[in-house]
Amino acid sequence: MPRPAAHAPERFIAIVGQIVGSQWSAPSAPNWPVNFTRTAADLALTVYPDRKNSRIIFTTASLAAPDRRCHAKYTPDLAGHDDIDAWLADGDLDAVADALGVVVRRLVDQPLPEPVAPHPDPVGRELDQLAQRAQELARLTAQFAAGLIRGEPVADKAGRITHLAQLTEQSATRVDELRGPAPASTAGRL
């Protein structure tokens, strides 16, 4: 019988704790999101499951300026598990420790971006870009449908729609990352 997902943070904290070493302080409570800190380096490492996309999100940020952050993702092979929570609760985390180590070390070693002063709302900026892409995607899709009805060649439009859909997905992922993990009360409803 699988263990409940509530135990998953404890196992993951142990793996990430081994990766980052004793220079980092482990979280005081084993809850998602998991937060490690390294006060001497002015860094925080936050880890949480992205249940919608079945992956783990890692974020480093300055303790003094949390808007300065970098992100990394790890998508595990969920074979034999129903979802990311089941994998976190019962998956062989030791088997993926090396891969997680590469992701975490690269993220921790990456310099944080300099503060961006002109736009105080990065989520708003990303939402604006996402809305523009969604409008363009709707326009191209309408042109594609009209071309189908008129019997025109549509392969070129389909390729442009595919490319724009990929860009739209990237923007949507960035918005989700900037927003951070879903509140605990709504996480189970998704």
N, C-alpha and C. Protein backbone atom coordinates (compact mmCIF):
# COMPACT_ATOMS: atom_id res chain seq x y z
N MET A 1 0.85 -1.18 0.00
CA MET A 1 0.00 0.00 0.00
C MET A 1 0.89 1.24 0.00
N PRO A 2 0.67 2.16 -0.92
CA PRO A 2 1.52 3.35 -0.99
C PRO A 2 1.33 4.25 0.22
N ARG A 3 2.43 4.90 0.56
CA ARG A 3 2.37 5.89 1.64
C ARG A 3 1.68 7.14 1.14
N PRO A 4 1.01 7.88 2.02
CA PRO A 4 0.37 9.11 1.58
C PRO A 4 1.39 10.14 1.14
N ALA A 5 0.98 11.00 0.21
CA ALA A 5 1.87 12.03 -0.33
C ALA A 5 2.36 12.98 0.74
N ALA A 6 1.68 13.04 1.87
CA ALA A 6 2.11 13.95 2.95
C ALA A 6 3.51 13.60 3.42
N HIS A 7 3.92 12.34 3.28
CA HIS A 7 5.26 11.94 3.69
C HIS A 7 6.32 12.28 2.64
N ALA A 8 5.89 12.59 1.44
CA ALA A 8 6.82 12.82 0.34
C ALA A 8 7.84 13.92 0.63
N PRO A 9 7.48 15.04 1.23
CA PRO A 9 8.49 16.07 1.45
C PRO A 9 9.66 15.59 2.30
N GLU A 10 9.39 14.75 3.27
CA GLU A 10 10.47 14.27 4.13
C GLU A 10 11.52 13.51 3.34
N ARG A 11 11.09 12.63 2.43
CA ARG A 11 12.03 11.87 1.61
C ARG A 11 12.78 12.81 0.67
N PHE A 12 12.07 13.75 0.11
CA PHE A 12 12.70 14.66 -0.84
C PHE A 12 13.67 15.61 -0.13
N ILE A 13 13.31 16.04 1.08
CA ILE A 13 14.19 16.91 1.86
C ILE A 13 15.52 16.19 2.11
N ALA A 14 15.45 14.91 2.42
CA ALA A 14 16.68 14.14 2.68
C ALA A 14 17.56 14.09 1.45
N ILE A 15 16.98 13.84 0.28
CA ILE A 15 17.76 13.76 -0.96
C ILE A 15 18.37 15.12 -1.29
N VAL A 16 17.56 16.17 -1.27
CA VAL A 16 18.08 17.51 -1.59
C VAL A 16 19.09 17.96 -0.54
N GLY A 17 18.86 17.62 0.71
CA GLY A 17 19.81 17.95 1.77
C GLY A 17 21.18 17.34 1.53
N GLN A 18 21.21 16.10 1.04
CA GLN A 18 22.48 15.46 0.71
C GLN A 18 23.16 16.17 -0.46
N ILE A 19 22.36 16.64 -1.40
CA ILE A 19 22.91 17.31 -2.58
C ILE A 19 23.53 18.65 -2.21
N VAL A 20 22.80 19.47 -1.44
CA VAL A 20 23.29 20.82 -1.15
C VAL A 20 24.31 20.84 -0.01
N GLY A 21 24.28 19.86 0.86
CA GLY A 21 25.27 19.78 1.93
C GLY A 21 24.91 20.58 3.17
N SER A 22 25.82 20.56 4.11
CA SER A 22 25.56 21.16 5.42
C SER A 22 25.62 22.68 5.42
N GLN A 23 26.06 23.29 4.32
CA GLN A 23 26.09 24.76 4.26
C GLN A 23 24.68 25.34 4.17
N TRP A 24 23.73 24.51 3.82
CA TRP A 24 22.34 24.94 3.69
C TRP A 24 21.54 24.48 4.89
N SER A 25 20.63 25.31 5.36
CA SER A 25 19.73 24.94 6.45
C SER A 25 18.50 24.26 5.87
N ALA A 26 18.18 23.10 6.41
CA ALA A 26 16.99 22.37 5.95
C ALA A 26 15.73 23.06 6.48
N PRO A 27 14.61 22.82 5.85
CA PRO A 27 13.36 23.44 6.32
C PRO A 27 13.00 22.93 7.71
N SER A 28 12.35 23.78 8.48
CA SER A 28 11.96 23.41 9.85
C SER A 28 10.73 22.52 9.85
N ALA A 29 9.88 22.63 8.84
CA ALA A 29 8.67 21.81 8.75
C ALA A 29 8.63 21.14 7.37
N PRO A 30 8.36 19.84 7.34
CA PRO A 30 8.35 19.13 6.06
C PRO A 30 7.04 19.31 5.29
N ASN A 31 6.86 20.47 4.73
CA ASN A 31 5.66 20.79 3.95
C ASN A 31 6.06 21.33 2.59
N TRP A 32 5.20 21.15 1.60
CA TRP A 32 5.44 21.76 0.29
C TRP A 32 5.00 23.20 0.37
N PRO A 33 5.68 24.15 -0.18
CA PRO A 33 6.99 24.04 -0.80
C PRO A 33 8.08 23.85 0.26
N VAL A 34 9.13 23.12 -0.14
CA VAL A 34 10.27 22.87 0.72
C VAL A 34 11.26 24.02 0.53
N ASN A 35 11.71 24.62 1.63
CA ASN A 35 12.60 25.78 1.56
C ASN A 35 13.90 25.53 2.31
N PHE A 36 15.01 25.52 1.56
CA PHE A 36 16.35 25.46 2.14
C PHE A 36 16.91 26.87 2.11
N THR A 37 17.73 27.23 3.09
CA THR A 37 18.35 28.56 3.09
C THR A 37 19.84 28.45 3.32
N ARG A 38 20.54 29.40 2.76
CA ARG A 38 21.99 29.55 2.98
C ARG A 38 22.22 31.03 3.24
N THR A 39 22.13 31.41 4.49
CA THR A 39 22.19 32.81 4.90
C THR A 39 23.49 33.47 4.48
N ALA A 40 24.61 32.77 4.61
CA ALA A 40 25.92 33.35 4.27
C ALA A 40 26.00 33.76 2.81
N ALA A 41 25.29 33.06 1.94
CA ALA A 41 25.30 33.37 0.51
C ALA A 41 24.06 34.16 0.08
N ASP A 42 23.19 34.51 1.05
CA ASP A 42 21.95 35.24 0.75
C ASP A 42 21.11 34.48 -0.28
N LEU A 43 20.94 33.17 -0.07
CA LEU A 43 20.19 32.36 -1.01
C LEU A 43 19.13 31.51 -0.32
N ALA A 44 18.05 31.33 -1.04
CA ALA A 44 17.00 30.39 -0.65
C ALA A 44 16.77 29.45 -1.81
N LEU A 45 16.57 28.19 -1.52
CA LEU A 45 16.24 27.18 -2.53
C LEU A 45 14.87 26.65 -2.19
N THR A 46 13.92 26.84 -3.08
CA THR A 46 12.55 26.39 -2.88
C THR A 46 12.27 25.27 -3.87
N VAL A 47 11.63 24.22 -3.38
CA VAL A 47 11.31 23.06 -4.21
C VAL A 47 9.85 22.72 -3.99
N TYR A 48 9.12 22.46 -5.09
CA TYR A 48 7.72 22.05 -4.95
C TYR A 48 7.29 21.26 -6.19
N PRO A 49 6.31 20.38 -6.02
CA PRO A 49 5.82 19.62 -7.17
C PRO A 49 4.86 20.47 -8.00
N ASP A 50 5.02 20.39 -9.30
CA ASP A 50 4.08 21.00 -10.24
C ASP A 50 3.15 19.87 -10.65
N ARG A 51 2.04 19.76 -9.95
CA ARG A 51 1.14 18.63 -10.16
C ARG A 51 0.50 18.63 -11.55
N LYS A 52 0.25 19.78 -12.08
CA LYS A 52 -0.38 19.87 -13.40
C LYS A 52 0.53 19.29 -14.48
N ASN A 53 1.82 19.55 -14.41
CA ASN A 53 2.75 19.11 -15.44
C ASN A 53 3.62 17.93 -15.00
N SER A 54 3.34 17.36 -13.84
CA SER A 54 4.06 16.19 -13.31
C SER A 54 5.57 16.37 -13.32
N ARG A 55 6.01 17.43 -12.66
CA ARG A 55 7.44 17.70 -12.56
C ARG A 55 7.73 18.38 -11.24
N ILE A 56 9.02 18.53 -10.97
CA ILE A 56 9.47 19.21 -9.76
C ILE A 56 10.06 20.54 -10.18
N ILE A 57 9.68 21.61 -9.50
CA ILE A 57 10.20 22.95 -9.78
C ILE A 57 11.20 23.32 -8.68
N PHE A 58 12.35 23.82 -9.10
CA PHE A 58 13.38 24.30 -8.18
C PHE A 58 13.54 25.80 -8.45
N THR A 59 13.61 26.59 -7.39
CA THR A 59 13.79 28.03 -7.53
C THR A 59 14.85 28.49 -6.55
N THR A 60 15.81 29.27 -7.03
CA THR A 60 16.74 29.94 -6.12
C THR A 60 16.38 31.42 -6.14
N ALA A 61 16.52 32.04 -4.99
CA ALA A 61 16.21 33.47 -4.88
C ALA A 61 17.09 34.07 -3.80
N SER A 62 17.27 35.37 -3.91
CA SER A 62 17.98 36.11 -2.88
C SER A 62 17.07 36.23 -1.66
N LEU A 63 17.63 36.00 -0.48
CA LEU A 63 16.84 36.18 0.74
C LEU A 63 16.44 37.64 0.92
N ALA A 64 17.32 38.55 0.54
CA ALA A 64 17.06 39.98 0.70
C ALA A 64 16.15 40.54 -0.39
N ALA A 65 16.21 39.96 -1.57
CA ALA A 65 15.41 40.44 -2.70
C ALA A 65 14.80 39.23 -3.41
N PRO A 66 13.69 38.69 -2.88
CA PRO A 66 13.13 37.45 -3.43
C PRO A 66 12.65 37.55 -4.88
N ASP A 67 12.54 38.76 -5.43
CA ASP A 67 12.15 38.88 -6.83
C ASP A 67 13.30 38.53 -7.77
N ARG A 68 14.52 38.43 -7.24
CA ARG A 68 15.68 38.00 -8.02
C ARG A 68 15.75 36.48 -7.90
N ARG A 69 15.32 35.78 -8.93
CA ARG A 69 15.25 34.33 -8.83
C ARG A 69 15.55 33.64 -10.15
N CYS A 70 15.95 32.39 -10.03
CA CYS A 70 16.19 31.52 -11.19
C CYS A 70 15.39 30.24 -10.96
N HIS A 71 14.97 29.61 -12.06
CA HIS A 71 14.15 28.41 -11.99
C HIS A 71 14.81 27.25 -12.73
N ALA A 72 14.51 26.06 -12.28
CA ALA A 72 14.90 24.84 -12.98
C ALA A 72 13.77 23.83 -12.77
N LYS A 73 13.70 22.86 -13.67
CA LYS A 73 12.64 21.85 -13.60
C LYS A 73 13.25 20.47 -13.75
N TYR A 74 12.62 19.50 -13.11
CA TYR A 74 13.00 18.11 -13.30
C TYR A 74 11.71 17.32 -13.51
N THR A 75 11.64 16.61 -14.64
CA THR A 75 10.48 15.80 -14.95
C THR A 75 10.86 14.33 -14.81
N PRO A 76 10.35 13.67 -13.78
CA PRO A 76 10.70 12.27 -13.56
C PRO A 76 9.90 11.34 -14.46
N ASP A 77 10.38 10.11 -14.58
CA ASP A 77 9.64 9.06 -15.27
C ASP A 77 8.64 8.50 -14.25
N LEU A 78 7.37 8.71 -14.50
CA LEU A 78 6.34 8.30 -13.55
C LEU A 78 5.85 6.88 -13.77
N ALA A 79 6.56 6.10 -14.57
CA ALA A 79 6.13 4.73 -14.86
C ALA A 79 5.88 3.98 -13.55
N GLY A 80 4.69 3.38 -13.44
CA GLY A 80 4.33 2.64 -12.25
C GLY A 80 3.70 3.49 -11.16
N HIS A 81 3.54 4.79 -11.41
CA HIS A 81 2.95 5.69 -10.41
C HIS A 81 1.82 6.47 -11.07
N ASP A 82 0.78 6.74 -10.31
CA ASP A 82 -0.39 7.45 -10.84
C ASP A 82 -0.12 8.92 -11.12
N ASP A 83 0.69 9.55 -10.29
CA ASP A 83 0.93 10.97 -10.45
C ASP A 83 2.23 11.35 -9.74
N ILE A 84 2.56 12.62 -9.77
CA ILE A 84 3.81 13.10 -9.17
C ILE A 84 3.84 12.87 -7.66
N ASP A 85 2.70 13.00 -7.00
CA ASP A 85 2.66 12.77 -5.55
C ASP A 85 2.96 11.31 -5.22
N ALA A 86 2.42 10.38 -6.01
CA ALA A 86 2.71 8.96 -5.79
C ALA A 86 4.19 8.67 -6.04
N TRP A 87 4.76 9.30 -7.06
CA TRP A 87 6.19 9.11 -7.34
C TRP A 87 7.03 9.66 -6.19
N LEU A 88 6.67 10.83 -5.69
CA LEU A 88 7.41 11.42 -4.57
C LEU A 88 7.28 10.57 -3.31
N ALA A 89 6.13 9.95 -3.11
CA ALA A 89 5.90 9.15 -1.91
C ALA A 89 6.57 7.79 -1.99
N ASP A 90 6.55 7.17 -3.17
CA ASP A 90 7.02 5.78 -3.27
C ASP A 90 8.06 5.52 -4.34
N GLY A 91 8.40 6.53 -5.14
CA GLY A 91 9.39 6.33 -6.18
C GLY A 91 10.78 6.12 -5.62
N ASP A 92 11.66 5.60 -6.45
CA ASP A 92 13.05 5.37 -6.04
C ASP A 92 13.83 6.67 -6.22
N LEU A 93 13.76 7.52 -5.21
CA LEU A 93 14.43 8.82 -5.28
C LEU A 93 15.95 8.66 -5.31
N ASP A 94 16.47 7.61 -4.69
CA ASP A 94 17.91 7.39 -4.71
C ASP A 94 18.40 7.16 -6.14
N ALA A 95 17.56 6.53 -6.96
CA ALA A 95 17.96 6.24 -8.34
C ALA A 95 18.10 7.51 -9.18
N VAL A 96 17.40 8.57 -8.79
CA VAL A 96 17.46 9.82 -9.57
C VAL A 96 18.26 10.89 -8.85
N ALA A 97 18.92 10.53 -7.76
CA ALA A 97 19.66 11.51 -6.97
C ALA A 97 20.75 12.20 -7.79
N ASP A 98 21.44 11.46 -8.66
CA ASP A 98 22.49 12.07 -9.47
C ASP A 98 21.91 13.11 -10.43
N ALA A 99 20.80 12.78 -11.08
CA ALA A 99 20.17 13.72 -12.00
C ALA A 99 19.66 14.95 -11.24
N LEU A 100 19.05 14.73 -10.08
CA LEU A 100 18.60 15.85 -9.26
C LEU A 100 19.78 16.70 -8.83
N GLY A 101 20.90 16.05 -8.51
CA GLY A 101 22.09 16.77 -8.11
C GLY A 101 22.60 17.70 -9.18
N VAL A 102 22.58 17.24 -10.44
CA VAL A 102 23.01 18.09 -11.55
C VAL A 102 22.10 19.31 -11.66
N VAL A 103 20.79 19.08 -11.59
CA VAL A 103 19.83 20.18 -11.71
C VAL A 103 20.04 21.19 -10.58
N VAL A 104 20.14 20.70 -9.35
CA VAL A 104 20.26 21.60 -8.19
C VAL A 104 21.59 22.35 -8.21
N ARG A 105 22.69 21.65 -8.48
CA ARG A 105 24.00 22.33 -8.49
C ARG A 105 24.09 23.40 -9.57
N ARG A 106 23.57 23.09 -10.75
CA ARG A 106 23.59 24.10 -11.83
C ARG A 106 22.76 25.31 -11.44
N LEU A 107 21.63 25.06 -10.83
CA LEU A 107 20.76 26.17 -10.43
C LEU A 107 21.42 27.00 -9.33
N VAL A 108 21.98 26.35 -8.33
CA VAL A 108 22.60 27.07 -7.22
C VAL A 108 23.84 27.84 -7.68
N ASP A 109 24.57 27.29 -8.64
CA ASP A 109 25.77 27.96 -9.15
C ASP A 109 25.45 29.10 -10.12
N GLN A 110 24.25 29.13 -10.64
CA GLN A 110 23.86 30.16 -11.59
C GLN A 110 23.67 31.49 -10.87
N PRO A 111 24.28 32.56 -11.39
CA PRO A 111 24.08 33.86 -10.73
C PRO A 111 22.63 34.33 -10.88
N LEU A 112 22.14 34.95 -9.84
CA LEU A 112 20.78 35.49 -9.89
C LEU A 112 20.74 36.70 -10.80
N PRO A 113 19.64 36.90 -11.48
CA PRO A 113 19.55 38.07 -12.36
C PRO A 113 19.56 39.37 -11.54
N GLU A 114 20.04 40.39 -12.18
CA GLU A 114 20.02 41.71 -11.54
C GLU A 114 18.58 42.20 -11.48
N PRO A 115 18.27 43.00 -10.49
CA PRO A 115 16.89 43.50 -10.40
C PRO A 115 16.52 44.31 -11.64
N VAL A 116 15.30 44.13 -12.07
CA VAL A 116 14.79 44.85 -13.23
C VAL A 116 13.88 45.96 -12.72
N ALA A 117 14.34 47.18 -12.85
CA ALA A 117 13.59 48.31 -12.31
C ALA A 117 12.42 48.78 -13.17
N PRO A 118 12.51 48.76 -14.52
CA PRO A 118 11.44 49.38 -15.28
C PRO A 118 10.07 48.74 -15.14
N HIS A 119 9.99 47.46 -14.87
CA HIS A 119 8.69 46.81 -14.79
C HIS A 119 8.52 46.19 -13.41
N PRO A 120 7.73 46.83 -12.53
CA PRO A 120 7.61 46.36 -11.16
C PRO A 120 6.80 45.08 -11.02
N ASP A 121 6.09 44.67 -12.06
CA ASP A 121 5.21 43.51 -11.96
C ASP A 121 5.57 42.48 -13.02
N PRO A 122 6.51 41.54 -12.72
CA PRO A 122 6.90 40.56 -13.72
C PRO A 122 5.76 39.65 -14.13
N VAL A 123 4.85 39.33 -13.21
CA VAL A 123 3.70 38.49 -13.57
C VAL A 123 2.82 39.25 -14.56
N GLY A 124 2.62 40.53 -14.31
CA GLY A 124 1.82 41.35 -15.23
C GLY A 124 2.43 41.41 -16.62
N ARG A 125 3.76 41.56 -16.67
CA ARG A 125 4.45 41.60 -17.96
C ARG A 125 4.27 40.27 -18.70
N GLU A 126 4.44 39.17 -17.99
CA GLU A 126 4.28 37.86 -18.62
C GLU A 126 2.83 37.62 -19.02
N LEU A 127 1.89 38.07 -18.19
CA LEU A 127 0.47 37.93 -18.55
C LEU A 127 0.13 38.73 -19.80
N ASP A 128 0.70 39.94 -19.93
CA ASP A 128 0.48 40.74 -21.14
C ASP A 128 1.00 40.00 -22.37
N GLN A 129 2.21 39.45 -22.25
CA GLN A 129 2.79 38.72 -23.38
C GLN A 129 1.96 37.48 -23.69
N LEU A 130 1.49 36.78 -22.66
CA LEU A 130 0.66 35.60 -22.86
C LEU A 130 -0.65 35.97 -23.56
N ALA A 131 -1.26 37.07 -23.16
CA ALA A 131 -2.50 37.52 -23.79
C ALA A 131 -2.28 37.88 -25.26
N GLN A 132 -1.17 38.54 -25.57
CA GLN A 132 -0.87 38.88 -26.97
C GLN A 132 -0.69 37.63 -27.82
N ARG A 133 0.02 36.65 -27.25
CA ARG A 133 0.22 35.39 -27.99
C ARG A 133 -1.10 34.65 -28.18
N ALA A 134 -1.95 34.67 -27.17
CA ALA A 134 -3.24 34.00 -27.27
C ALA A 134 -4.11 34.66 -28.35
N GLN A 135 -4.07 35.99 -28.43
CA GLN A 135 -4.83 36.69 -29.47
C GLN A 135 -4.30 36.36 -30.86
N GLU A 136 -2.98 36.33 -31.00
CA GLU A 136 -2.38 35.99 -32.28
C GLU A 136 -2.70 34.54 -32.65
N LEU A 137 -2.69 33.66 -31.67
CA LEU A 137 -3.03 32.26 -31.91
C LEU A 137 -4.48 32.13 -32.38
N ALA A 138 -5.38 32.88 -31.77
CA ALA A 138 -6.78 32.86 -32.19
C ALA A 138 -6.93 33.38 -33.61
N ARG A 139 -6.20 34.45 -33.95
CA ARG A 139 -6.27 35.01 -35.30
C ARG A 139 -5.77 34.01 -36.34
N LEU A 140 -4.62 33.38 -36.05
CA LEU A 140 -4.06 32.40 -36.99
C LEU A 140 -4.97 31.18 -37.13
N THR A 141 -5.58 30.77 -36.03
CA THR A 141 -6.48 29.62 -36.08
C THR A 141 -7.71 29.94 -36.93
N ALA A 142 -8.22 31.15 -36.82
CA ALA A 142 -9.36 31.56 -37.65
C ALA A 142 -8.97 31.57 -39.13
N GLN A 143 -7.78 32.08 -39.45
CA GLN A 143 -7.30 32.08 -40.83
C GLN A 143 -7.13 30.65 -41.35
N PHE A 144 -6.63 29.76 -40.48
CA PHE A 144 -6.45 28.36 -40.84
C PHE A 144 -7.80 27.74 -41.19
N ALA A 145 -8.80 27.96 -40.32
CA ALA A 145 -10.14 27.41 -40.55
C ALA A 145 -10.75 27.96 -41.83
N ALA A 146 -10.58 29.25 -42.08
CA ALA A 146 -11.11 29.86 -43.31
C ALA A 146 -10.43 29.25 -44.54
N GLY A 147 -9.13 29.03 -44.45
CA GLY A 147 -8.41 28.41 -45.56
C GLY A 147 -8.88 26.99 -45.82
N LEU A 148 -9.19 26.26 -44.77
CA LEU A 148 -9.73 24.90 -44.95
C LEU A 148 -11.06 24.95 -45.70
N ILE A 149 -11.92 25.87 -45.27
CA ILE A 149 -13.24 25.99 -45.89
C ILE A 149 -13.12 26.38 -47.36
N ARG A 150 -12.19 27.28 -47.67
CA ARG A 150 -12.02 27.75 -49.06
C ARG A 150 -11.18 26.79 -49.89
N GLY A 151 -10.62 25.75 -49.30
CA GLY A 151 -9.82 24.79 -50.03
C GLY A 151 -8.41 25.29 -50.35
N GLU A 152 -7.92 26.25 -49.59
CA GLU A 152 -6.58 26.79 -49.79
C GLU A 152 -5.54 25.91 -49.10
N PRO A 153 -4.27 26.00 -49.52
CA PRO A 153 -3.22 25.27 -48.80
C PRO A 153 -3.11 25.81 -47.36
N VAL A 154 -3.00 24.92 -46.39
CA VAL A 154 -3.00 25.35 -45.00
C VAL A 154 -1.77 24.87 -44.21
N ALA A 155 -0.87 24.15 -44.84
CA ALA A 155 0.28 23.59 -44.13
C ALA A 155 1.13 24.68 -43.49
N ASP A 156 1.36 25.79 -44.21
CA ASP A 156 2.16 26.88 -43.68
C ASP A 156 1.52 27.49 -42.44
N LYS A 157 0.22 27.71 -42.49
CA LYS A 157 -0.49 28.27 -41.33
C LYS A 157 -0.46 27.29 -40.16
N ALA A 158 -0.58 26.00 -40.44
CA ALA A 158 -0.52 25.00 -39.37
C ALA A 158 0.85 25.03 -38.68
N GLY A 159 1.90 25.19 -39.45
CA GLY A 159 3.24 25.28 -38.87
C GLY A 159 3.39 26.51 -38.00
N ARG A 160 2.85 27.64 -38.46
CA ARG A 160 2.92 28.87 -37.66
C ARG A 160 2.10 28.74 -36.38
N ILE A 161 0.94 28.05 -36.48
CA ILE A 161 0.11 27.84 -35.30
C ILE A 161 0.85 26.97 -34.29
N THR A 162 1.50 25.93 -34.77
CA THR A 162 2.26 25.03 -33.88
C THR A 162 3.36 25.79 -33.16
N HIS A 163 4.11 26.59 -33.91
CA HIS A 163 5.21 27.37 -33.31
C HIS A 163 4.66 28.35 -32.27
N LEU A 164 3.61 29.06 -32.62
CA LEU A 164 3.02 30.03 -31.69
C LEU A 164 2.43 29.33 -30.47
N ALA A 165 1.86 28.15 -30.66
CA ALA A 165 1.31 27.39 -29.52
C ALA A 165 2.44 27.00 -28.56
N GLN A 166 3.60 26.65 -29.08
CA GLN A 166 4.74 26.31 -28.23
C GLN A 166 5.19 27.54 -27.44
N LEU A 167 5.26 28.69 -28.10
CA LEU A 167 5.64 29.92 -27.41
C LEU A 167 4.61 30.29 -26.34
N THR A 168 3.34 30.07 -26.65
CA THR A 168 2.27 30.35 -25.70
C THR A 168 2.40 29.43 -24.48
N GLU A 169 2.73 28.16 -24.71
CA GLU A 169 2.92 27.23 -23.60
C GLU A 169 4.10 27.67 -22.72
N GLN A 170 5.18 28.13 -23.34
CA GLN A 170 6.34 28.60 -22.58
C GLN A 170 5.96 29.81 -21.73
N SER A 171 5.20 30.74 -22.31
CA SER A 171 4.76 31.92 -21.55
C SER A 171 3.86 31.51 -20.39
N ALA A 172 2.96 30.56 -20.63
CA ALA A 172 2.05 30.10 -19.58
C ALA A 172 2.83 29.43 -18.45
N THR A 173 3.85 28.65 -18.80
CA THR A 173 4.68 28.01 -17.79
C THR A 173 5.41 29.06 -16.96
N ARG A 174 5.92 30.09 -17.63
CA ARG A 174 6.63 31.17 -16.92
C ARG A 174 5.69 31.89 -15.95
N VAL A 175 4.45 32.13 -16.37
CA VAL A 175 3.46 32.76 -15.49
C VAL A 175 3.24 31.88 -14.26
N ASP A 176 3.08 30.57 -14.47
CA ASP A 176 2.89 29.65 -13.35
C ASP A 176 4.08 29.67 -12.41
N GLU A 177 5.29 29.72 -12.97
CA GLU A 177 6.50 29.74 -12.14
C GLU A 177 6.58 31.02 -11.33
N LEU A 178 6.25 32.14 -11.95
CA LEU A 178 6.30 33.41 -11.23
C LEU A 178 5.26 33.48 -10.12
N ARG A 179 4.14 32.85 -10.35
CA ARG A 179 3.09 32.83 -9.33
C ARG A 179 3.47 31.92 -8.17
N GLY A 180 4.31 30.94 -8.41
CA GLY A 180 4.72 30.01 -7.36
C GLY A 180 3.71 28.90 -7.18
N PRO A 181 3.91 28.10 -6.13
CA PRO A 181 3.02 26.95 -5.92
C PRO A 181 1.61 27.41 -5.59
N ALA A 182 0.67 26.57 -5.96
CA ALA A 182 -0.72 26.86 -5.65
C ALA A 182 -0.92 26.77 -4.14
N PRO A 183 -1.79 27.59 -3.58
CA PRO A 183 -2.06 27.49 -2.14
C PRO A 183 -2.51 26.07 -1.79
N ALA A 184 -2.18 25.64 -0.59
CA ALA A 184 -2.47 24.27 -0.16
C ALA A 184 -3.94 23.93 -0.24
N SER A 185 -4.81 24.91 -0.01
CA SER A 185 -6.25 24.63 0.00
C SER A 185 -6.79 24.32 -1.38
N THR A 186 -6.14 24.77 -2.46
CA THR A 186 -6.63 24.51 -3.81
C THR A 186 -5.81 23.50 -4.55
N ALA A 187 -4.66 23.09 -4.01
CA ALA A 187 -3.76 22.19 -4.72
C ALA A 187 -4.42 20.85 -5.03
N GLY A 188 -5.24 20.32 -4.16
CA GLY A 188 -5.87 19.03 -4.39
C GLY A 188 -7.01 19.07 -5.38
N ARG A 189 -7.52 20.23 -5.68
CA ARG A 189 -8.68 20.36 -6.57
C ARG A 189 -8.29 20.37 -8.04
N LEU A 190 -7.02 20.56 -8.36
CA LEU A 190 -6.62 20.66 -9.77
C LEU A 190 -6.63 19.38 -10.46
